[in-house]
Amino acid sequence: MTVALLLPLPGRADVEVRFVAPEHFSDRDFRRSATRAQAMKVFETFLAQLGKKYLGEKQLLTIEILDIRLAGNYDSWWSVMNDVRVLTDITPPRFSLRYMLKDGGRTVAQVRESITDVNYLTNPAARLSVDPFVHEKILLENWFRKRFARQPPAGS
């Protein structure tokens, strides 16, 4: 009985995330192995949660992340603040990615795109958050919902 619980459930939505050469991503945090591994795990887990929330049954979404630029930038003008990420309106979060969406084994979308939110500093949901990736998660969730949310049947 325990073995059956470990097998994948038939008909459930799933998200596969691949990071393509993350050590070469634009953001400095991806050039260091410790911060890169932590960020990759956070984004992989978060995208899987979005899949459970927004994808329909029998859908499989494969996302290849080609580049990430986290919100803000490290200011080097003052050496004491070398590890402090400063958020400004010209340093929005940005993801470059490719994705393929399959529904019941049939490919329904295959797209490459860049997503960003130049107004990320005005989002009230991020103001009180202590999550270091709050701006990126908001960006990803908005993108995911717009692209993949199940549409209610016509007439309902």
N, C-alpha and C. Protein backbone atom coordinates (compact mmCIF):
# COMPACT_ATOMS: atom_id res chain seq x y z
N MET A 1 0.82 -1.20 0.00
CA MET A 1 0.00 0.00 0.00
C MET A 1 0.85 1.25 0.00
N THR A 2 1.94 1.25 0.75
CA THR A 2 2.84 2.40 0.78
C THR A 2 3.46 2.65 -0.58
N VAL A 3 3.78 1.60 -1.30
CA VAL A 3 4.38 1.74 -2.62
C VAL A 3 3.44 2.47 -3.56
N ALA A 4 2.17 2.18 -3.51
CA ALA A 4 1.20 2.85 -4.38
C ALA A 4 1.17 4.34 -4.12
N LEU A 5 1.40 4.75 -2.90
CA LEU A 5 1.39 6.17 -2.57
C LEU A 5 2.60 6.90 -3.15
N LEU A 6 3.68 6.19 -3.43
CA LEU A 6 4.88 6.81 -3.96
C LEU A 6 4.86 6.93 -5.48
N LEU A 7 3.97 6.24 -6.14
CA LEU A 7 3.88 6.30 -7.59
C LEU A 7 3.17 7.58 -8.02
N PRO A 8 3.53 8.12 -9.20
CA PRO A 8 2.85 9.31 -9.68
C PRO A 8 1.35 9.05 -9.88
N LEU A 9 0.57 10.03 -9.57
CA LEU A 9 -0.88 9.90 -9.74
C LEU A 9 -1.24 10.13 -11.20
N PRO A 10 -2.03 9.26 -11.79
CA PRO A 10 -2.41 9.44 -13.19
C PRO A 10 -3.34 10.64 -13.33
N GLY A 11 -3.10 11.41 -14.41
CA GLY A 11 -4.00 12.52 -14.71
C GLY A 11 -3.71 13.80 -13.96
N ARG A 12 -2.65 13.86 -13.19
CA ARG A 12 -2.39 15.10 -12.47
C ARG A 12 -1.46 16.00 -13.28
N ALA A 13 -1.54 17.31 -13.02
CA ALA A 13 -0.68 18.27 -13.69
C ALA A 13 0.73 18.18 -13.13
N ASP A 14 1.71 18.54 -13.94
CA ASP A 14 3.08 18.47 -13.48
C ASP A 14 3.90 19.56 -14.16
N VAL A 15 4.96 20.00 -13.45
CA VAL A 15 5.89 21.00 -13.98
C VAL A 15 7.29 20.45 -13.85
N GLU A 16 8.02 20.46 -14.95
CA GLU A 16 9.43 20.10 -14.95
C GLU A 16 10.22 21.38 -15.20
N VAL A 17 11.20 21.64 -14.35
CA VAL A 17 12.01 22.85 -14.48
C VAL A 17 13.45 22.46 -14.74
N ARG A 18 14.04 23.08 -15.75
CA ARG A 18 15.46 22.88 -16.06
C ARG A 18 16.13 24.24 -16.10
N PHE A 19 17.30 24.33 -15.53
CA PHE A 19 18.09 25.56 -15.57
C PHE A 19 19.22 25.33 -16.57
N VAL A 20 19.28 26.14 -17.62
CA VAL A 20 20.27 25.98 -18.67
C VAL A 20 21.48 26.86 -18.36
N ALA A 21 22.59 26.24 -18.03
CA ALA A 21 23.85 26.92 -17.69
C ALA A 21 23.65 28.04 -16.67
N PRO A 22 23.10 27.71 -15.49
CA PRO A 22 22.81 28.75 -14.50
C PRO A 22 24.04 29.49 -13.99
N GLU A 23 25.21 28.87 -14.09
CA GLU A 23 26.43 29.54 -13.64
C GLU A 23 26.78 30.74 -14.53
N HIS A 24 26.12 30.86 -15.67
CA HIS A 24 26.34 31.97 -16.59
C HIS A 24 25.18 32.97 -16.61
N PHE A 25 24.23 32.81 -15.71
CA PHE A 25 23.10 33.74 -15.66
C PHE A 25 23.60 35.15 -15.36
N SER A 26 22.81 36.15 -15.75
CA SER A 26 23.18 37.55 -15.58
C SER A 26 23.37 37.96 -14.14
N ASP A 27 22.57 37.41 -13.25
CA ASP A 27 22.61 37.84 -11.86
C ASP A 27 23.82 37.26 -11.13
N ARG A 28 24.47 38.09 -10.35
CA ARG A 28 25.67 37.71 -9.61
C ARG A 28 25.44 36.53 -8.68
N ASP A 29 24.26 36.42 -8.09
CA ASP A 29 23.98 35.33 -7.16
C ASP A 29 24.07 33.95 -7.82
N PHE A 30 23.95 33.89 -9.14
CA PHE A 30 24.01 32.60 -9.83
C PHE A 30 25.44 32.22 -10.20
N ARG A 31 26.38 33.11 -9.99
CA ARG A 31 27.78 32.80 -10.28
C ARG A 31 28.47 32.12 -9.10
N ARG A 32 27.82 32.17 -7.93
CA ARG A 32 28.36 31.50 -6.74
C ARG A 32 27.53 30.25 -6.50
N SER A 33 28.19 29.11 -6.32
CA SER A 33 27.47 27.83 -6.25
C SER A 33 26.47 27.75 -5.10
N ALA A 34 26.80 28.29 -3.93
CA ALA A 34 25.89 28.19 -2.78
C ALA A 34 24.62 28.99 -3.00
N THR A 35 24.75 30.24 -3.45
CA THR A 35 23.54 31.06 -3.66
C THR A 35 22.77 30.57 -4.89
N ARG A 36 23.48 30.03 -5.88
CA ARG A 36 22.83 29.50 -7.07
C ARG A 36 21.96 28.30 -6.71
N ALA A 37 22.50 27.37 -5.95
CA ALA A 37 21.76 26.17 -5.57
C ALA A 37 20.52 26.52 -4.77
N GLN A 38 20.65 27.45 -3.85
CA GLN A 38 19.51 27.86 -3.03
C GLN A 38 18.41 28.48 -3.90
N ALA A 39 18.79 29.40 -4.77
CA ALA A 39 17.80 30.07 -5.62
C ALA A 39 17.13 29.09 -6.58
N MET A 40 17.90 28.19 -7.16
CA MET A 40 17.32 27.21 -8.09
C MET A 40 16.29 26.34 -7.38
N LYS A 41 16.59 25.91 -6.18
CA LYS A 41 15.64 25.08 -5.41
C LYS A 41 14.36 25.86 -5.12
N VAL A 42 14.50 27.12 -4.73
CA VAL A 42 13.33 27.96 -4.43
C VAL A 42 12.45 28.09 -5.67
N PHE A 43 13.04 28.42 -6.82
CA PHE A 43 12.24 28.63 -8.02
C PHE A 43 11.65 27.33 -8.56
N GLU A 44 12.38 26.25 -8.47
CA GLU A 44 11.85 24.96 -8.91
C GLU A 44 10.64 24.55 -8.07
N THR A 45 10.75 24.68 -6.76
CA THR A 45 9.64 24.35 -5.85
C THR A 45 8.45 25.27 -6.10
N PHE A 46 8.71 26.55 -6.26
CA PHE A 46 7.63 27.51 -6.46
C PHE A 46 6.89 27.25 -7.77
N LEU A 47 7.61 26.97 -8.84
CA LEU A 47 6.96 26.68 -10.12
C LEU A 47 6.14 25.39 -10.06
N ALA A 48 6.61 24.41 -9.32
CA ALA A 48 5.84 23.17 -9.13
C ALA A 48 4.53 23.47 -8.39
N GLN A 49 4.58 24.34 -7.39
CA GLN A 49 3.37 24.73 -6.66
C GLN A 49 2.40 25.46 -7.58
N LEU A 50 2.92 26.31 -8.44
CA LEU A 50 2.05 27.02 -9.39
C LEU A 50 1.39 26.04 -10.35
N GLY A 51 2.11 25.00 -10.74
CA GLY A 51 1.53 23.98 -11.62
C GLY A 51 0.35 23.29 -10.98
N LYS A 52 0.48 22.96 -9.70
CA LYS A 52 -0.63 22.32 -8.99
C LYS A 52 -1.83 23.25 -8.88
N LYS A 53 -1.55 24.53 -8.79
CA LYS A 53 -2.61 25.52 -8.61
C LYS A 53 -3.31 25.89 -9.92
N TYR A 54 -2.55 25.98 -11.02
CA TYR A 54 -3.11 26.55 -12.24
C TYR A 54 -3.25 25.61 -13.43
N LEU A 55 -2.49 24.52 -13.47
CA LEU A 55 -2.58 23.63 -14.63
C LEU A 55 -3.76 22.67 -14.51
N GLY A 56 -4.27 22.28 -15.64
CA GLY A 56 -5.36 21.31 -15.66
C GLY A 56 -4.81 19.89 -15.56
N GLU A 57 -5.72 18.96 -15.31
CA GLU A 57 -5.33 17.55 -15.27
C GLU A 57 -4.72 17.15 -16.59
N LYS A 58 -3.79 16.23 -16.53
CA LYS A 58 -3.11 15.67 -17.71
C LYS A 58 -2.23 16.68 -18.42
N GLN A 59 -1.97 17.84 -17.81
CA GLN A 59 -1.08 18.81 -18.44
C GLN A 59 0.33 18.65 -17.87
N LEU A 60 1.29 18.79 -18.75
CA LEU A 60 2.69 18.75 -18.38
C LEU A 60 3.34 20.01 -18.94
N LEU A 61 3.97 20.76 -18.07
CA LEU A 61 4.65 21.98 -18.47
C LEU A 61 6.14 21.79 -18.22
N THR A 62 6.93 21.92 -19.28
CA THR A 62 8.38 21.86 -19.17
C THR A 62 8.91 23.27 -19.36
N ILE A 63 9.63 23.76 -18.36
CA ILE A 63 10.18 25.12 -18.41
C ILE A 63 11.69 25.02 -18.39
N GLU A 64 12.32 25.63 -19.38
CA GLU A 64 13.77 25.77 -19.39
C GLU A 64 14.09 27.22 -19.07
N ILE A 65 14.75 27.45 -17.96
CA ILE A 65 15.11 28.82 -17.58
C ILE A 65 16.49 29.10 -18.17
N LEU A 66 16.53 30.11 -19.03
CA LEU A 66 17.74 30.44 -19.77
C LEU A 66 18.57 31.53 -19.09
N ASP A 67 17.91 32.41 -18.34
CA ASP A 67 18.60 33.48 -17.64
C ASP A 67 17.69 34.04 -16.57
N ILE A 68 18.30 34.50 -15.49
CA ILE A 68 17.56 35.17 -14.42
C ILE A 68 18.34 36.40 -14.00
N ARG A 69 17.61 37.48 -13.88
CA ARG A 69 18.15 38.71 -13.29
C ARG A 69 17.23 39.03 -12.12
N LEU A 70 17.71 38.85 -10.90
CA LEU A 70 16.90 39.11 -9.71
C LEU A 70 16.65 40.61 -9.56
N ALA A 71 15.60 40.95 -8.84
CA ALA A 71 15.27 42.36 -8.60
C ALA A 71 16.40 43.03 -7.84
N GLY A 72 16.71 44.25 -8.22
CA GLY A 72 17.74 45.01 -7.53
C GLY A 72 19.13 44.68 -8.03
N ASN A 73 20.07 45.32 -7.38
CA ASN A 73 21.47 45.13 -7.76
C ASN A 73 22.34 45.41 -6.55
N TYR A 74 23.52 44.85 -6.55
CA TYR A 74 24.46 45.13 -5.47
C TYR A 74 25.17 46.44 -5.79
N ASP A 75 25.16 47.37 -4.86
CA ASP A 75 25.88 48.62 -5.04
C ASP A 75 27.29 48.48 -4.49
N SER A 76 28.25 48.81 -5.31
CA SER A 76 29.64 48.69 -4.87
C SER A 76 30.22 50.04 -4.45
N TRP A 77 29.42 51.08 -4.43
CA TRP A 77 29.92 52.41 -4.07
C TRP A 77 30.34 52.50 -2.62
N TRP A 78 29.84 51.61 -1.79
CA TRP A 78 30.22 51.60 -0.38
C TRP A 78 30.52 50.17 0.00
N SER A 79 31.77 49.87 0.29
CA SER A 79 32.19 48.48 0.47
C SER A 79 31.46 47.77 1.61
N VAL A 80 30.98 48.48 2.62
CA VAL A 80 30.25 47.85 3.72
C VAL A 80 28.93 47.25 3.23
N MET A 81 28.35 47.84 2.19
CA MET A 81 27.07 47.37 1.67
C MET A 81 27.25 46.46 0.47
N ASN A 82 28.39 45.85 0.32
CA ASN A 82 28.68 45.03 -0.84
C ASN A 82 27.72 43.85 -0.99
N ASP A 83 27.14 43.36 0.09
CA ASP A 83 26.21 42.23 0.02
C ASP A 83 24.77 42.64 0.24
N VAL A 84 24.47 43.91 0.03
CA VAL A 84 23.10 44.41 0.18
C VAL A 84 22.54 44.69 -1.21
N ARG A 85 21.43 44.06 -1.52
CA ARG A 85 20.79 44.25 -2.81
C ARG A 85 19.89 45.48 -2.72
N VAL A 86 20.16 46.45 -3.55
CA VAL A 86 19.41 47.70 -3.56
C VAL A 86 18.39 47.66 -4.69
N LEU A 87 17.11 47.84 -4.36
CA LEU A 87 16.04 47.80 -5.35
C LEU A 87 15.79 49.20 -5.89
N THR A 88 15.81 49.33 -7.20
CA THR A 88 15.50 50.60 -7.85
C THR A 88 14.55 50.33 -9.01
N ASP A 89 13.98 51.39 -9.55
CA ASP A 89 13.03 51.20 -10.64
C ASP A 89 13.70 50.77 -11.95
N ILE A 90 15.02 50.83 -12.02
CA ILE A 90 15.70 50.40 -13.25
C ILE A 90 16.32 49.01 -13.11
N THR A 91 16.01 48.31 -12.01
CA THR A 91 16.55 46.96 -11.81
C THR A 91 15.43 45.96 -11.52
N PRO A 92 14.46 45.83 -12.44
CA PRO A 92 13.35 44.90 -12.20
C PRO A 92 13.80 43.44 -12.34
N PRO A 93 13.03 42.52 -11.76
CA PRO A 93 13.32 41.10 -11.97
C PRO A 93 13.04 40.72 -13.42
N ARG A 94 13.83 39.79 -13.93
CA ARG A 94 13.66 39.39 -15.34
C ARG A 94 14.02 37.92 -15.49
N PHE A 95 13.18 37.19 -16.21
CA PHE A 95 13.43 35.79 -16.53
C PHE A 95 13.40 35.63 -18.04
N SER A 96 14.33 34.89 -18.57
CA SER A 96 14.31 34.49 -19.96
C SER A 96 14.11 32.98 -19.94
N LEU A 97 13.10 32.50 -20.68
CA LEU A 97 12.78 31.07 -20.60
C LEU A 97 12.14 30.55 -21.87
N ARG A 98 12.14 29.23 -21.95
CA ARG A 98 11.40 28.49 -22.99
C ARG A 98 10.47 27.55 -22.26
N TYR A 99 9.29 27.36 -22.83
CA TYR A 99 8.41 26.38 -22.21
C TYR A 99 7.66 25.60 -23.27
N MET A 100 7.28 24.40 -22.87
CA MET A 100 6.45 23.54 -23.72
C MET A 100 5.33 23.01 -22.84
N LEU A 101 4.12 23.22 -23.28
CA LEU A 101 2.94 22.74 -22.56
C LEU A 101 2.32 21.60 -23.35
N LYS A 102 2.16 20.47 -22.64
CA LYS A 102 1.50 19.32 -23.24
C LYS A 102 0.21 19.06 -22.48
N ASP A 103 -0.79 18.68 -23.22
CA ASP A 103 -2.08 18.35 -22.62
C ASP A 103 -2.47 16.98 -23.14
N GLY A 104 -2.48 16.00 -22.25
CA GLY A 104 -2.79 14.63 -22.65
C GLY A 104 -1.79 14.08 -23.64
N GLY A 105 -0.53 14.50 -23.55
CA GLY A 105 0.51 14.02 -24.44
C GLY A 105 0.66 14.82 -25.72
N ARG A 106 -0.27 15.73 -26.00
CA ARG A 106 -0.24 16.54 -27.23
C ARG A 106 0.35 17.91 -26.90
N THR A 107 1.34 18.35 -27.69
CA THR A 107 1.94 19.67 -27.48
C THR A 107 0.96 20.74 -27.91
N VAL A 108 0.62 21.64 -26.98
CA VAL A 108 -0.33 22.72 -27.28
C VAL A 108 0.34 24.09 -27.32
N ALA A 109 1.54 24.20 -26.78
CA ALA A 109 2.28 25.46 -26.84
C ALA A 109 3.76 25.19 -26.68
N GLN A 110 4.54 25.94 -27.46
CA GLN A 110 5.99 25.86 -27.36
C GLN A 110 6.50 27.27 -27.64
N VAL A 111 7.00 27.95 -26.59
CA VAL A 111 7.28 29.38 -26.70
C VAL A 111 8.58 29.72 -25.98
N ARG A 112 9.27 30.71 -26.50
CA ARG A 112 10.41 31.32 -25.81
C ARG A 112 10.02 32.76 -25.52
N GLU A 113 10.24 33.21 -24.28
CA GLU A 113 9.91 34.59 -23.95
C GLU A 113 10.72 35.10 -22.77
N SER A 114 10.72 36.41 -22.66
CA SER A 114 11.32 37.09 -21.51
C SER A 114 10.19 37.74 -20.74
N ILE A 115 10.24 37.61 -19.43
CA ILE A 115 9.20 38.23 -18.61
C ILE A 115 9.85 39.15 -17.59
N THR A 116 9.22 40.27 -17.35
CA THR A 116 9.73 41.25 -16.40
C THR A 116 8.55 42.06 -15.87
N ASP A 117 8.79 42.79 -14.81
CA ASP A 117 7.78 43.68 -14.25
C ASP A 117 8.47 44.98 -13.87
N VAL A 118 8.40 45.97 -14.75
CA VAL A 118 9.08 47.24 -14.50
C VAL A 118 8.43 48.02 -13.36
N ASN A 119 7.22 47.65 -12.98
CA ASN A 119 6.52 48.31 -11.88
C ASN A 119 6.58 47.50 -10.59
N TYR A 120 7.56 46.65 -10.46
CA TYR A 120 7.63 45.73 -9.32
C TYR A 120 7.67 46.44 -7.97
N LEU A 121 8.21 47.64 -7.92
CA LEU A 121 8.31 48.35 -6.64
C LEU A 121 6.97 48.90 -6.14
N THR A 122 5.99 48.96 -7.01
CA THR A 122 4.69 49.51 -6.62
C THR A 122 3.72 48.45 -6.13
N ASN A 123 4.13 47.19 -6.14
CA ASN A 123 3.23 46.11 -5.74
C ASN A 123 3.12 46.06 -4.22
N PRO A 124 1.93 46.34 -3.68
CA PRO A 124 1.77 46.35 -2.23
C PRO A 124 1.95 44.98 -1.58
N ALA A 125 1.76 43.91 -2.32
CA ALA A 125 1.91 42.56 -1.77
C ALA A 125 3.35 42.28 -1.35
N ALA A 126 4.30 43.00 -1.91
CA ALA A 126 5.71 42.74 -1.62
C ALA A 126 6.26 43.62 -0.51
N ARG A 127 5.55 44.64 -0.16
CA ARG A 127 6.08 45.65 0.77
C ARG A 127 6.50 45.11 2.12
N LEU A 128 5.71 44.25 2.73
CA LEU A 128 6.01 43.77 4.07
C LEU A 128 6.62 42.37 4.10
N SER A 129 6.90 41.84 2.94
CA SER A 129 7.43 40.48 2.86
C SER A 129 8.90 40.44 3.27
N VAL A 130 9.27 39.35 3.91
CA VAL A 130 10.68 39.11 4.23
C VAL A 130 11.30 38.05 3.29
N ASP A 131 10.52 37.58 2.35
CA ASP A 131 10.98 36.61 1.37
C ASP A 131 12.00 37.29 0.44
N PRO A 132 13.23 36.80 0.35
CA PRO A 132 14.22 37.45 -0.50
C PRO A 132 13.89 37.38 -2.00
N PHE A 133 12.95 36.51 -2.37
CA PHE A 133 12.56 36.38 -3.78
C PHE A 133 11.11 36.80 -4.02
N VAL A 134 10.58 37.67 -3.18
CA VAL A 134 9.17 38.03 -3.29
C VAL A 134 8.84 38.65 -4.65
N HIS A 135 9.68 39.51 -5.16
CA HIS A 135 9.39 40.17 -6.44
C HIS A 135 9.42 39.17 -7.60
N GLU A 136 10.35 38.24 -7.54
CA GLU A 136 10.44 37.22 -8.58
C GLU A 136 9.23 36.28 -8.52
N LYS A 137 8.81 35.92 -7.33
CA LYS A 137 7.66 35.02 -7.18
C LYS A 137 6.37 35.69 -7.64
N ILE A 138 6.20 36.96 -7.35
CA ILE A 138 5.02 37.68 -7.83
C ILE A 138 5.03 37.73 -9.36
N LEU A 139 6.18 38.03 -9.93
CA LEU A 139 6.32 38.05 -11.39
C LEU A 139 5.97 36.70 -11.99
N LEU A 140 6.53 35.63 -11.44
CA LEU A 140 6.27 34.29 -11.96
C LEU A 140 4.81 33.88 -11.81
N GLU A 141 4.22 34.19 -10.67
CA GLU A 141 2.82 33.81 -10.49
C GLU A 141 1.90 34.56 -11.45
N ASN A 142 2.13 35.85 -11.63
CA ASN A 142 1.31 36.61 -12.59
C ASN A 142 1.46 36.06 -14.00
N TRP A 143 2.68 35.76 -14.40
CA TRP A 143 2.93 35.19 -15.72
C TRP A 143 2.27 33.82 -15.84
N PHE A 144 2.45 32.97 -14.84
CA PHE A 144 1.91 31.61 -14.86
C PHE A 144 0.38 31.65 -14.97
N ARG A 145 -0.24 32.48 -14.16
CA ARG A 145 -1.70 32.58 -14.16
C ARG A 145 -2.21 33.04 -15.53
N LYS A 146 -1.56 34.05 -16.12
CA LYS A 146 -2.00 34.57 -17.43
C LYS A 146 -1.82 33.53 -18.54
N ARG A 147 -0.74 32.76 -18.48
CA ARG A 147 -0.45 31.80 -19.54
C ARG A 147 -1.18 30.46 -19.39
N PHE A 148 -1.32 29.98 -18.15
CA PHE A 148 -1.70 28.58 -17.98
C PHE A 148 -2.93 28.31 -17.12
N ALA A 149 -3.53 29.33 -16.54
CA ALA A 149 -4.69 29.07 -15.67
C ALA A 149 -5.80 28.41 -16.47
N ARG A 150 -6.38 27.41 -15.84
CA ARG A 150 -7.51 26.70 -16.48
C ARG A 150 -8.64 27.69 -16.71
N GLN A 151 -9.18 27.66 -17.89
CA GLN A 151 -10.31 28.53 -18.22
C GLN A 151 -11.61 27.80 -17.89
N PRO A 152 -12.56 28.50 -17.25
CA PRO A 152 -13.83 27.85 -16.99
C PRO A 152 -14.56 27.55 -18.30
N PRO A 153 -15.36 26.49 -18.33
CA PRO A 153 -16.10 26.17 -19.55
C PRO A 153 -17.01 27.34 -19.96
N ALA A 154 -17.21 27.49 -21.25
CA ALA A 154 -18.06 28.55 -21.77
C ALA A 154 -19.47 28.42 -21.18
N GLY A 155 -20.05 29.54 -20.82
CA GLY A 155 -21.41 29.54 -20.29
C GLY A 155 -21.49 29.33 -18.78
N SER A 156 -20.35 29.20 -18.10
CA SER A 156 -20.43 29.00 -16.64
C SER A 156 -20.05 30.24 -15.90
